[in-house]
Amino acid sequence: MKPFRNVLFTAMLVLSAFTAVLYTACSKVKCGGTTCQNGGTCAESKCLCLTGYSGSDCGTSWSSKFIATYNNCTKTCSPSTGAGTWQSVISANGNSGQDTVVISNFANSNKSIVAGVDSNSHIYIDPTSSSGIIGSGSLLSDGSISIKFNEGGINCSMTMRK
């Protein structure tokens, strides 16, 4: 009889632990009529979003509006370093939060760089994470991105169009 009690006790303990984990994993913060997403918390019936998310329910990542394939990219530099068009892809940065992206073939260089983004559709390039390139720009209303940057003392501007 004692082994049966031990098995029953162990089964109940495991079931209780599983239920507690499942309940806490599925519960989300309710905020008025909205459920706060992505770790958002509620204050005065409004969701307060973590860095990298925005929207009334914190359901929009800052990087999502930048992620795309840009087929018509152009740049101008002073002094001139050549011209042409190329393709770049902006993707989510798997090594960071929702406030950074990776730009492949940046400025037709075959380099991938990490860029930060913010809730106001700005993009910025930190020289410590991008091989010495520094710059900033914006996502424009037509969906294109305009970036001014400096690489090795050369000032350039770049436009990326979908």
Foldseek 3Di string as FASTA:
>chain_A
DVVVVVVVVVVVVVVVVVVVVVVVVPDFEQQPPETAPDPWHYDPSFTDEDFQADDRRSPHGQCVLLFDKFAFKWKAKVVGPDIDGGIWGWAPDPVDGSFKIWIACVNVPRDIFIWGAGPQQKIWGDCVGGVRKGWIWGQDPQRKIWIWIDDPNMTMIMITHD
